[in-house]
Amino acid sequence: MTMLRTLITCLFLATMMAAHSTASGMPTIVLDQPTESELIELMSEADAAHERGMALSTVDESAARSAFMESADGWQRILDSGLQNGYLWTNLGNAELRAGRLGNAVAAYLEADRLLPGNATVRANLTEARNQVPARFDPEGVVVLYDTVSDGWHILGFRTRWWIAALSWVAFWSCLVVWIARGRRSASDHEGRSIAWRGLVILCGVIALLSAATVSFDVLEDTWRMPGVLVEESVVRSGNGDTFKAVFSEALPAGVEFDLLESRPGWHHVAFADGRQGWIRSDHVRVIGS
């Protein structure tokens, strides 16, 4: 069986599992490059572990958490095998959140949001995870403006906005050609029709520009923003070493997000939403898209 068919099968299974809010499971066989049948088995085990955790959540919290951790570790194995899509990351985030590994959950949802920009389920799950992070930073300036506006256009998914942009551009140029042709062919044409055609051209042009701009921003965002998440509690330092003084009075908890500014061996220079900056150990964070 071809590799293409393998990937299509796995993507389909992951999509179906995500639609039922499933998560991942611990694989029983350690393999560097799982075959299609092995990936299917891993996904089935992942789903079973998640369902077991859900069933145990009301009777044995500790056992439920272990099941969710098993599920999360399994989805991570599948992702590590090279199979990447937003639905797999969503499943991982679901399991990590229920396992109590908040930083890993936020990171997984951000990865899913990167691959499925504007997906309503991913956004809702990400919001739920963010609301559980005990430390929050109020954004400022361009960051808060961009995030506020982008939340508005992400009501529609990336693919939907792409098609709106494409169809609007076609409609714009078609209407423009017809409008010009009518004007040349019949100078005595009723002025009301001319105004109507002009309005239609302008409307199509505005829709095309706005939708194309949102699509472009989604594509280009990864080039000017390097988001990251603390996956465990960490002290933010004023320099790239443990001897530098702490920037904050307390260690920041897992789940706090930042933008990566610079990397040095073992350390990341980061900026938080409120503008404050510092250095964090690289083994305490996950940089999205890396």
C-alpha atoms as a PDB file:
ATOM      1  CA  MET A   1       0.000   0.000   0.000  1.00  0.00           C
ATOM      2  CA  THR A   2       1.327   3.395  -0.941  1.00  0.00           C
ATOM      3  CA  MET A   3       2.474   6.007   1.539  1.00  0.00           C
ATOM      4  CA  LEU A   4      -0.195   8.406   0.233  1.00  0.00           C
ATOM      5  CA  ARG A   5      -2.966   5.965   1.053  1.00  0.00           C
ATOM      6  CA  THR A   6      -1.411   5.408   4.460  1.00  0.00           C
ATOM      7  CA  LEU A   7      -1.481   9.113   5.258  1.00  0.00           C
ATOM      8  CA  ILE A   8      -5.028   9.536   3.939  1.00  0.00           C
ATOM      9  CA  THR A   9      -6.271   6.661   6.105  1.00  0.00           C
ATOM     10  CA  CYS A  10      -4.586   8.008   9.208  1.00  0.00           C
ATOM     11  CA  LEU A  11      -5.849  11.534   8.596  1.00  0.00           C
ATOM     12  CA  PHE A  12      -9.378  10.239   8.188  1.00  0.00           C
ATOM     13  CA  LEU A  13      -9.222   8.251  11.408  1.00  0.00           C
ATOM     14  CA  ALA A  14      -7.803  11.201  13.310  1.00  0.00           C
ATOM     15  CA  THR A  15     -10.572  13.457  12.017  1.00  0.00           C
ATOM     16  CA  MET A  16     -13.295  11.049  13.052  1.00  0.00           C
ATOM     17  CA  MET A  17     -11.804  10.623  16.508  1.00  0.00           C
ATOM     18  CA  ALA A  18     -11.484  14.378  17.024  1.00  0.00           C
ATOM     19  CA  ALA A  19     -15.115  14.843  16.066  1.00  0.00           C
ATOM     20  CA  HIS A  20     -16.066  12.729  19.061  1.00  0.00           C
ATOM     21  CA  SER A  21     -13.633  14.620  21.348  1.00  0.00           C
ATOM     22  CA  THR A  22     -11.361  11.619  21.640  1.00  0.00           C
ATOM     23  CA  ALA A  23      -7.757  11.670  22.727  1.00  0.00           C
ATOM     24  CA  SER A  24      -4.689   9.528  22.609  1.00  0.00           C
ATOM     25  CA  GLY A  25      -3.467   6.275  24.138  1.00  0.00           C
ATOM     26  CA  MET A  26      -0.180   4.648  25.149  1.00  0.00           C
ATOM     27  CA  PRO A  27       1.207   2.421  22.401  1.00  0.00           C
ATOM     28  CA  THR A  28       2.216  -1.086  23.437  1.00  0.00           C
ATOM     29  CA  ILE A  29       4.952  -1.488  20.793  1.00  0.00           C
ATOM     30  CA  VAL A  30       7.863   0.921  20.483  1.00  0.00           C
ATOM     31  CA  LEU A  31       8.400   1.646  16.798  1.00  0.00           C
ATOM     32  CA  ASP A  32      10.351   4.394  15.063  1.00  0.00           C
ATOM     33  CA  GLN A  33       8.228   4.329  11.914  1.00  0.00           C
ATOM     34  CA  PRO A  34       4.843   2.692  12.528  1.00  0.00           C
ATOM     35  CA  THR A  35       3.079   1.104   9.609  1.00  0.00           C
ATOM     36  CA  GLU A  36      -0.504   1.957   8.692  1.00  0.00           C
ATOM     37  CA  SER A  37      -1.945  -0.945  10.684  1.00  0.00           C
ATOM     38  CA  GLU A  38       0.200  -0.039  13.676  1.00  0.00           C
ATOM     39  CA  LEU A  39      -0.927   3.587  13.519  1.00  0.00           C
ATOM     40  CA  ILE A  40      -4.548   2.451  13.394  1.00  0.00           C
ATOM     41  CA  GLU A  41      -3.919   0.277  16.436  1.00  0.00           C
ATOM     42  CA  LEU A  42      -2.247   3.148  18.276  1.00  0.00           C
ATOM     43  CA  MET A  43      -5.199   5.408  17.520  1.00  0.00           C
ATOM     44  CA  SER A  44      -7.625   2.760  18.753  1.00  0.00           C
ATOM     45  CA  GLU A  45      -5.646   2.362  21.944  1.00  0.00           C
ATOM     46  CA  ALA A  46      -5.573   6.132  22.290  1.00  0.00           C
ATOM     47  CA  ASP A  47      -9.329   6.343  21.991  1.00  0.00           C
ATOM     48  CA  ALA A  48      -9.808   3.479  24.444  1.00  0.00           C
ATOM     49  CA  ALA A  49      -7.515   5.115  27.016  1.00  0.00           C
ATOM     50  CA  HIS A  50      -9.402   8.378  26.722  1.00  0.00           C
ATOM     51  CA  GLU A  51     -12.778   6.676  27.096  1.00  0.00           C
ATOM     52  CA  ARG A  52     -11.488   4.751  30.096  1.00  0.00           C
ATOM     53  CA  GLY A  53     -10.372   8.003  31.677  1.00  0.00           C
ATOM     54  CA  MET A  54     -13.796   9.551  31.090  1.00  0.00           C
ATOM     55  CA  ALA A  55     -15.501   6.567  32.680  1.00  0.00           C
ATOM     56  CA  LEU A  56     -13.194   6.688  35.708  1.00  0.00           C
ATOM     57  CA  SER A  57     -13.331  10.457  36.185  1.00  0.00           C
ATOM     58  CA  THR A  58     -16.370  10.305  38.469  1.00  0.00           C
ATOM     59  CA  VAL A  59     -15.239   7.316  40.555  1.00  0.00           C
ATOM     60  CA  ASP A  60     -11.444   7.310  40.720  1.00  0.00           C
ATOM     61  CA  GLU A  61      -9.722  10.585  39.929  1.00  0.00           C
ATOM     62  CA  SER A  62      -6.210   9.167  40.215  1.00  0.00           C
ATOM     63  CA  ALA A  63      -6.922   6.250  37.870  1.00  0.00           C
ATOM     64  CA  ALA A  64      -8.639   8.620  35.440  1.00  0.00           C
ATOM     65  CA  ARG A  65      -5.626  10.892  35.348  1.00  0.00           C
ATOM     66  CA  SER A  66      -3.350   7.927  34.667  1.00  0.00           C
ATOM     67  CA  ALA A  67      -5.587   6.898  31.776  1.00  0.00           C
ATOM     68  CA  PHE A  68      -5.528  10.401  30.333  1.00  0.00           C
ATOM     69  CA  MET A  69      -1.746  10.544  30.680  1.00  0.00           C
ATOM     70  CA  GLU A  70      -1.531   7.244  28.852  1.00  0.00           C
ATOM     71  CA  SER A  71      -3.787   8.676  26.183  1.00  0.00           C
ATOM     72  CA  ALA A  72      -1.708  11.834  25.829  1.00  0.00           C
ATOM     73  CA  ASP A  73       1.544   9.924  25.629  1.00  0.00           C
ATOM     74  CA  GLY A  74       0.056   7.802  22.869  1.00  0.00           C
ATOM     75  CA  TRP A  75      -1.044  10.758  20.756  1.00  0.00           C
ATOM     76  CA  GLN A  76       2.403  12.241  21.231  1.00  0.00           C
ATOM     77  CA  ARG A  77       3.949   9.029  19.895  1.00  0.00           C
ATOM     78  CA  ILE A  78       1.742   9.220  16.817  1.00  0.00           C
ATOM     79  CA  LEU A  79       2.737  12.843  16.232  1.00  0.00           C
ATOM     80  CA  ASP A  80       6.390  11.980  16.768  1.00  0.00           C
ATOM     81  CA  SER A  81       6.095   9.361  14.037  1.00  0.00           C
ATOM     82  CA  GLY A  82       5.755  12.210  11.539  1.00  0.00           C
ATOM     83  CA  LEU A  83       1.990  12.269  11.048  1.00  0.00           C
ATOM     84  CA  GLN A  84       0.952  15.890  11.638  1.00  0.00           C
ATOM     85  CA  ASN A  85      -2.468  17.538  11.499  1.00  0.00           C
ATOM     86  CA  GLY A  86      -4.575  19.800  13.657  1.00  0.00           C
ATOM     87  CA  TYR A  87      -6.986  17.062  14.706  1.00  0.00           C
ATOM     88  CA  LEU A  88      -4.209  14.950  16.199  1.00  0.00           C
ATOM     89  CA  TRP A  89      -2.958  17.962  18.149  1.00  0.00           C
ATOM     90  CA  THR A  90      -6.512  18.648  19.346  1.00  0.00           C
ATOM     91  CA  ASN A  91      -6.809  15.090  20.627  1.00  0.00           C
ATOM     92  CA  LEU A  92      -3.480  15.451  22.404  1.00  0.00           C
ATOM     93  CA  GLY A  93      -4.656  18.709  23.972  1.00  0.00           C
ATOM     94  CA  ASN A  94      -7.879  17.086  25.198  1.00  0.00           C
ATOM     95  CA  ALA A  95      -5.944  14.315  26.914  1.00  0.00           C
ATOM     96  CA  GLU A  96      -3.296  16.621  28.376  1.00  0.00           C
ATOM     97  CA  LEU A  97      -5.932  18.966  29.771  1.00  0.00           C
ATOM     98  CA  ARG A  98      -7.778  16.168  31.534  1.00  0.00           C
ATOM     99  CA  ALA A  99      -4.483  14.726  32.752  1.00  0.00           C
ATOM    100  CA  GLY A 100      -3.766  18.033  34.474  1.00  0.00           C
ATOM    101  CA  ARG A 101      -0.710  18.876  32.343  1.00  0.00           C
ATOM    102  CA  LEU A 102      -1.909  22.366  31.585  1.00  0.00           C
ATOM    103  CA  GLY A 103       1.169  23.670  29.794  1.00  0.00           C
ATOM    104  CA  ASN A 104       1.224  20.719  27.421  1.00  0.00           C
ATOM    105  CA  ALA A 105      -2.496  21.175  26.761  1.00  0.00           C
ATOM    106  CA  VAL A 106      -2.136  24.848  25.836  1.00  0.00           C
ATOM    107  CA  ALA A 107       0.825  24.015  23.602  1.00  0.00           C
ATOM    108  CA  ALA A 108      -1.099  21.253  21.825  1.00  0.00           C
ATOM    109  CA  TYR A 109      -4.102  23.500  21.200  1.00  0.00           C
ATOM    110  CA  LEU A 110      -1.835  26.244  19.852  1.00  0.00           C
ATOM    111  CA  GLU A 111      -0.291  23.730  17.458  1.00  0.00           C
ATOM    112  CA  ALA A 112      -3.794  22.714  16.402  1.00  0.00           C
ATOM    113  CA  ASP A 113      -4.778  26.359  15.929  1.00  0.00           C
ATOM    114  CA  ARG A 114      -1.706  26.892  13.755  1.00  0.00           C
ATOM    115  CA  LEU A 115      -2.723  24.026  11.483  1.00  0.00           C
ATOM    116  CA  LEU A 116      -6.476  24.692  11.647  1.00  0.00           C
ATOM    117  CA  PRO A 117      -6.705  28.497  11.895  1.00  0.00           C
ATOM    118  CA  GLY A 118     -10.157  29.641  12.891  1.00  0.00           C
ATOM    119  CA  ASN A 119     -11.457  26.190  13.840  1.00  0.00           C
ATOM    120  CA  ALA A 120     -14.228  26.808  16.379  1.00  0.00           C
ATOM    121  CA  THR A 121     -13.610  23.622  18.385  1.00  0.00           C
ATOM    122  CA  VAL A 122      -9.894  24.279  18.704  1.00  0.00           C
ATOM    123  CA  ARG A 123     -10.514  27.896  19.749  1.00  0.00           C
ATOM    124  CA  ALA A 124     -13.072  26.845  22.377  1.00  0.00           C
ATOM    125  CA  ASN A 125     -10.741  24.212  23.826  1.00  0.00           C
ATOM    126  CA  LEU A 126      -7.823  26.643  23.840  1.00  0.00           C
ATOM    127  CA  THR A 127      -9.929  29.212  25.689  1.00  0.00           C
ATOM    128  CA  GLU A 128     -10.946  26.592  28.257  1.00  0.00           C
ATOM    129  CA  ALA A 129      -7.312  25.662  28.865  1.00  0.00           C
ATOM    130  CA  ARG A 130      -6.185  29.287  29.073  1.00  0.00           C
ATOM    131  CA  ASN A 131      -8.860  30.043  31.662  1.00  0.00           C
ATOM    132  CA  GLN A 132      -7.263  27.453  33.966  1.00  0.00           C
ATOM    133  CA  VAL A 133      -3.820  29.078  33.891  1.00  0.00           C
ATOM    134  CA  PRO A 134      -3.400  30.831  37.273  1.00  0.00           C
ATOM    135  CA  ALA A 135      -1.125  33.609  35.952  1.00  0.00           C
ATOM    136  CA  ARG A 136      -2.385  35.915  33.210  1.00  0.00           C
ATOM    137  CA  PHE A 137      -0.766  38.834  31.410  1.00  0.00           C
ATOM    138  CA  ASP A 138      -2.887  41.649  30.036  1.00  0.00           C
ATOM    139  CA  PRO A 139      -1.851  42.338  26.434  1.00  0.00           C
ATOM    140  CA  GLU A 140      -1.032  45.838  25.245  1.00  0.00           C
ATOM    141  CA  GLY A 141      -0.537  47.872  22.078  1.00  0.00           C
ATOM    142  CA  VAL A 142      -0.432  46.181  18.699  1.00  0.00           C
ATOM    143  CA  VAL A 143      -0.706  42.716  20.231  1.00  0.00           C
ATOM    144  CA  VAL A 144      -4.089  43.325  21.850  1.00  0.00           C
ATOM    145  CA  LEU A 145      -5.364  45.114  18.738  1.00  0.00           C
ATOM    146  CA  TYR A 146      -4.309  42.284  16.435  1.00  0.00           C
ATOM    147  CA  ASP A 147      -5.636  39.548  18.737  1.00  0.00           C
ATOM    148  CA  THR A 148      -8.965  41.343  19.168  1.00  0.00           C
ATOM    149  CA  VAL A 149      -9.460  41.860  15.451  1.00  0.00           C
ATOM    150  CA  SER A 150      -8.268  38.356  14.530  1.00  0.00           C
ATOM    151  CA  ASP A 151     -10.739  36.812  16.959  1.00  0.00           C
ATOM    152  CA  GLY A 152     -13.438  38.461  14.864  1.00  0.00           C
ATOM    153  CA  TRP A 153     -12.348  37.082  11.510  1.00  0.00           C
ATOM    154  CA  HIS A 154     -11.580  33.646  12.967  1.00  0.00           C
ATOM    155  CA  ILE A 155     -15.314  33.135  13.417  1.00  0.00           C
ATOM    156  CA  LEU A 156     -15.022  31.842   9.856  1.00  0.00           C
ATOM    157  CA  GLY A 157     -12.486  29.114   9.202  1.00  0.00           C
ATOM    158  CA  PHE A 158      -9.387  29.598   7.063  1.00  0.00           C
ATOM    159  CA  ARG A 159     -10.706  27.551   4.157  1.00  0.00           C
ATOM    160  CA  THR A 160     -14.057  29.353   4.174  1.00  0.00           C
ATOM    161  CA  ARG A 161     -12.336  32.743   4.060  1.00  0.00           C
ATOM    162  CA  TRP A 162      -9.999  31.514   1.294  1.00  0.00           C
ATOM    163  CA  TRP A 163     -12.969  30.551  -0.868  1.00  0.00           C
ATOM    164  CA  ILE A 164     -14.756  33.827  -0.111  1.00  0.00           C
ATOM    165  CA  ALA A 165     -11.630  35.722  -1.188  1.00  0.00           C
ATOM    166  CA  ALA A 166     -11.260  33.709  -4.394  1.00  0.00           C
ATOM    167  CA  LEU A 167     -14.917  33.960  -5.390  1.00  0.00           C
ATOM    168  CA  SER A 168     -15.056  37.652  -4.494  1.00  0.00           C
ATOM    169  CA  TRP A 169     -12.072  38.423  -6.717  1.00  0.00           C
ATOM    170  CA  VAL A 170     -13.719  36.545  -9.591  1.00  0.00           C
ATOM    171  CA  ALA A 171     -16.965  38.424  -8.990  1.00  0.00           C
ATOM    172  CA  PHE A 172     -15.125  41.756  -8.729  1.00  0.00           C
ATOM    173  CA  TRP A 173     -13.327  41.416 -12.072  1.00  0.00           C
ATOM    174  CA  SER A 174     -16.410  39.989 -13.789  1.00  0.00           C
ATOM    175  CA  CYS A 175     -18.624  42.841 -12.597  1.00  0.00           C
ATOM    176  CA  LEU A 176     -15.953  45.396 -13.477  1.00  0.00           C
ATOM    177  CA  VAL A 177     -15.683  44.080 -17.048  1.00  0.00           C
ATOM    178  CA  VAL A 178     -19.481  44.035 -17.470  1.00  0.00           C
ATOM    179  CA  TRP A 179     -19.803  47.538 -16.017  1.00  0.00           C
ATOM    180  CA  ILE A 180     -17.164  48.957 -18.373  1.00  0.00           C
ATOM    181  CA  ALA A 181     -18.620  47.105 -21.365  1.00  0.00           C
ATOM    182  CA  ARG A 182     -22.146  48.351 -20.658  1.00  0.00           C
ATOM    183  CA  GLY A 183     -20.920  51.900 -20.277  1.00  0.00           C
ATOM    184  CA  ARG A 184     -19.179  51.827 -23.642  1.00  0.00           C
ATOM    185  CA  ARG A 185     -21.997  50.045 -25.444  1.00  0.00           C
ATOM    186  CA  SER A 186     -24.850  52.231 -24.265  1.00  0.00           C
ATOM    187  CA  ALA A 187     -24.129  55.758 -23.162  1.00  0.00           C
ATOM    188  CA  SER A 188     -27.831  56.348 -22.743  1.00  0.00           C
ATOM    189  CA  ASP A 189     -28.189  53.505 -20.250  1.00  0.00           C
ATOM    190  CA  HIS A 190     -30.181  54.453 -17.207  1.00  0.00           C
ATOM    191  CA  GLU A 191     -27.987  56.125 -14.604  1.00  0.00           C
ATOM    192  CA  GLY A 192     -29.540  54.021 -11.849  1.00  0.00           C
ATOM    193  CA  ARG A 193     -28.206  50.837 -13.423  1.00  0.00           C
ATOM    194  CA  SER A 194     -24.760  52.354 -13.663  1.00  0.00           C
ATOM    195  CA  ILE A 195     -24.835  53.234  -9.963  1.00  0.00           C
ATOM    196  CA  ALA A 196     -26.007  49.707  -9.124  1.00  0.00           C
ATOM    197  CA  TRP A 197     -23.177  48.116 -11.103  1.00  0.00           C
ATOM    198  CA  ARG A 198     -20.651  50.466  -9.555  1.00  0.00           C
ATOM    199  CA  GLY A 199     -21.913  49.599  -6.085  1.00  0.00           C
ATOM    200  CA  LEU A 200     -21.684  45.882  -6.859  1.00  0.00           C
ATOM    201  CA  VAL A 201     -18.102  46.281  -8.087  1.00  0.00           C
ATOM    202  CA  ILE A 202     -17.132  48.183  -4.945  1.00  0.00           C
ATOM    203  CA  LEU A 203     -18.852  45.657  -2.669  1.00  0.00           C
ATOM    204  CA  CYS A 204     -17.133  42.685  -4.309  1.00  0.00           C
ATOM    205  CA  GLY A 205     -13.805  44.503  -4.170  1.00  0.00           C
ATOM    206  CA  VAL A 206     -14.113  45.313  -0.460  1.00  0.00           C
ATOM    207  CA  ILE A 207     -15.103  41.725   0.423  1.00  0.00           C
ATOM    208  CA  ALA A 208     -12.242  40.370  -1.678  1.00  0.00           C
ATOM    209  CA  LEU A 209      -9.685  42.685  -0.056  1.00  0.00           C
ATOM    210  CA  LEU A 210     -10.817  42.011   3.509  1.00  0.00           C
ATOM    211  CA  SER A 211     -11.053  38.247   3.165  1.00  0.00           C
ATOM    212  CA  ALA A 212      -7.742  38.059   1.290  1.00  0.00           C
ATOM    213  CA  ALA A 213      -6.106  40.194   3.993  1.00  0.00           C
ATOM    214  CA  THR A 214      -7.281  37.861   6.786  1.00  0.00           C
ATOM    215  CA  VAL A 215      -6.000  34.833   4.874  1.00  0.00           C
ATOM    216  CA  SER A 216      -2.660  36.561   4.315  1.00  0.00           C
ATOM    217  CA  PHE A 217      -2.335  37.495   7.987  1.00  0.00           C
ATOM    218  CA  ASP A 218      -3.002  33.882   9.008  1.00  0.00           C
ATOM    219  CA  VAL A 219      -0.323  32.657   6.615  1.00  0.00           C
ATOM    220  CA  LEU A 220       2.232  35.310   7.553  1.00  0.00           C
ATOM    221  CA  GLU A 221       1.647  35.288  11.300  1.00  0.00           C
ATOM    222  CA  ASP A 222       4.102  32.418  11.775  1.00  0.00           C
ATOM    223  CA  THR A 223       6.854  34.566  10.212  1.00  0.00           C
ATOM    224  CA  TRP A 224       6.567  37.500  12.610  1.00  0.00           C
ATOM    225  CA  ARG A 225       5.330  35.780  15.761  1.00  0.00           C
ATOM    226  CA  MET A 226       7.017  32.822  17.423  1.00  0.00           C
ATOM    227  CA  PRO A 227       4.624  31.831  20.214  1.00  0.00           C
ATOM    228  CA  GLY A 228       5.626  29.520  22.991  1.00  0.00           C
ATOM    229  CA  VAL A 229       4.265  28.074  26.230  1.00  0.00           C
ATOM    230  CA  LEU A 230       5.732  27.143  29.586  1.00  0.00           C
ATOM    231  CA  VAL A 231       5.182  23.407  30.005  1.00  0.00           C
ATOM    232  CA  GLU A 232       6.372  23.465  33.597  1.00  0.00           C
ATOM    233  CA  GLU A 233       6.836  26.018  36.347  1.00  0.00           C
ATOM    234  CA  SER A 234       9.852  28.218  35.639  1.00  0.00           C
ATOM    235  CA  VAL A 235      11.737  31.208  37.006  1.00  0.00           C
ATOM    236  CA  VAL A 236      12.159  34.038  34.499  1.00  0.00           C
ATOM    237  CA  ARG A 237      15.676  35.476  34.650  1.00  0.00           C
ATOM    238  CA  SER A 238      17.096  38.827  33.542  1.00  0.00           C
ATOM    239  CA  GLY A 239      19.816  36.994  31.599  1.00  0.00           C
ATOM    240  CA  ASN A 240      20.582  33.596  30.126  1.00  0.00           C
ATOM    241  CA  GLY A 241      21.852  31.903  33.261  1.00  0.00           C
ATOM    242  CA  ASP A 242      20.700  30.730  36.687  1.00  0.00           C
ATOM    243  CA  THR A 243      22.858  33.378  38.398  1.00  0.00           C
ATOM    244  CA  PHE A 244      20.853  36.278  36.942  1.00  0.00           C
ATOM    245  CA  LYS A 245      18.169  37.789  39.127  1.00  0.00           C
ATOM    246  CA  ALA A 246      14.538  36.787  38.764  1.00  0.00           C
ATOM    247  CA  VAL A 247      12.311  39.115  36.763  1.00  0.00           C
ATOM    248  CA  PHE A 248       9.176  38.195  38.709  1.00  0.00           C
ATOM    249  CA  SER A 249       8.789  37.682  42.437  1.00  0.00           C
ATOM    250  CA  GLU A 250       7.544  34.126  41.880  1.00  0.00           C
ATOM    251  CA  ALA A 251       8.068  31.368  39.353  1.00  0.00           C
ATOM    252  CA  LEU A 252       5.558  31.403  36.507  1.00  0.00           C
ATOM    253  CA  PRO A 253       3.241  28.394  36.259  1.00  0.00           C
ATOM    254  CA  ALA A 254       2.853  26.039  33.320  1.00  0.00           C
ATOM    255  CA  GLY A 255       0.523  27.351  30.649  1.00  0.00           C
ATOM    256  CA  VAL A 256       1.848  30.924  30.507  1.00  0.00           C
ATOM    257  CA  GLU A 257       2.346  32.009  26.900  1.00  0.00           C
ATOM    258  CA  PHE A 258       5.015  34.226  25.386  1.00  0.00           C
ATOM    259  CA  ASP A 259       6.615  35.300  22.105  1.00  0.00           C
ATOM    260  CA  LEU A 260      10.105  34.036  21.390  1.00  0.00           C
ATOM    261  CA  LEU A 261      12.616  36.820  20.712  1.00  0.00           C
ATOM    262  CA  GLU A 262      15.977  35.046  20.711  1.00  0.00           C
ATOM    263  CA  SER A 263      17.506  31.677  21.510  1.00  0.00           C
ATOM    264  CA  ARG A 264      20.852  30.826  23.074  1.00  0.00           C
ATOM    265  CA  PRO A 265      22.151  27.438  24.225  1.00  0.00           C
ATOM    266  CA  GLY A 266      19.804  26.239  26.939  1.00  0.00           C
ATOM    267  CA  TRP A 267      17.831  29.498  27.136  1.00  0.00           C
ATOM    268  CA  HIS A 268      15.124  31.472  25.340  1.00  0.00           C
ATOM    269  CA  HIS A 269      14.702  35.246  25.449  1.00  0.00           C
ATOM    270  CA  VAL A 270      10.943  35.849  25.551  1.00  0.00           C
ATOM    271  CA  ALA A 271       8.389  38.640  25.746  1.00  0.00           C
ATOM    272  CA  PHE A 272       5.070  38.375  27.538  1.00  0.00           C
ATOM    273  CA  ALA A 273       1.778  39.919  26.455  1.00  0.00           C
ATOM    274  CA  ASP A 274       2.196  42.927  28.772  1.00  0.00           C
ATOM    275  CA  GLY A 275       5.566  43.818  27.243  1.00  0.00           C
ATOM    276  CA  ARG A 276       7.841  42.489  29.975  1.00  0.00           C
ATOM    277  CA  GLN A 277      10.786  40.345  28.888  1.00  0.00           C
ATOM    278  CA  GLY A 278      13.110  37.760  30.381  1.00  0.00           C
ATOM    279  CA  TRP A 279      15.033  34.537  29.873  1.00  0.00           C
ATOM    280  CA  ILE A 280      13.602  31.050  30.427  1.00  0.00           C
ATOM    281  CA  ARG A 281      15.281  27.664  30.366  1.00  0.00           C
ATOM    282  CA  SER A 282      14.621  26.042  26.991  1.00  0.00           C
ATOM    283  CA  ASP A 283      13.762  22.682  28.566  1.00  0.00           C
ATOM    284  CA  HIS A 284      10.845  24.339  30.404  1.00  0.00           C
ATOM    285  CA  VAL A 285       9.048  25.522  27.275  1.00  0.00           C
ATOM    286  CA  ARG A 286       7.569  24.453  23.971  1.00  0.00           C
ATOM    287  CA  VAL A 287       7.924  26.762  20.974  1.00  0.00           C
ATOM    288  CA  ILE A 288       4.949  26.380  18.638  1.00  0.00           C
ATOM    289  CA  GLY A 289       5.766  25.182  15.149  1.00  0.00           C
ATOM    290  CA  SER A 290       9.274  24.089  16.049  1.00  0.00           C
END
